[in-house]
Amino acid sequence: MDSPITITGNAGKQAELRFTPEGKAVTSVSVATYSSGTKANNNQVSVWVRVSFWGDVAEQANSITKGQKLTIRGRLLPVRLWEKDGKTQANIEMIGDSFEVVQRQDTPF
């Protein structure tokens, strides 16, 4: 599956840079995105997306810090589903091709 996608959300933690045995850089970060709705009405739902950056972009993405608001462009990977405690769980993952840090405005997220 090679579906282009753009997400905007907040980094959940400091990005983690590592290298494959072949020496390729890969950086991982989890990003919380939010559905439409407001926190005040409890209608807003956060969705966590795991993002992996490779190569030169991975080295740049290593500067991502917890709480930064980001816009990420990339490709969606197949969603994995499993059962845990009787509830369906899902992982949403993407390969990030590019990213930018978004200037914060007066928003709750």
Foldseek 3Di string as FASTA:
>chain_A
DWAKDKAKFFWAFQWDWDADPVGKIKIKTKGWGWDDDDVVVVPIDIDIEIEMEIHPQNVVSNRHGGGFIKMFIFTWDDKDWDDDPNDIDIYTYTYTPHMDTDDDDPDPD
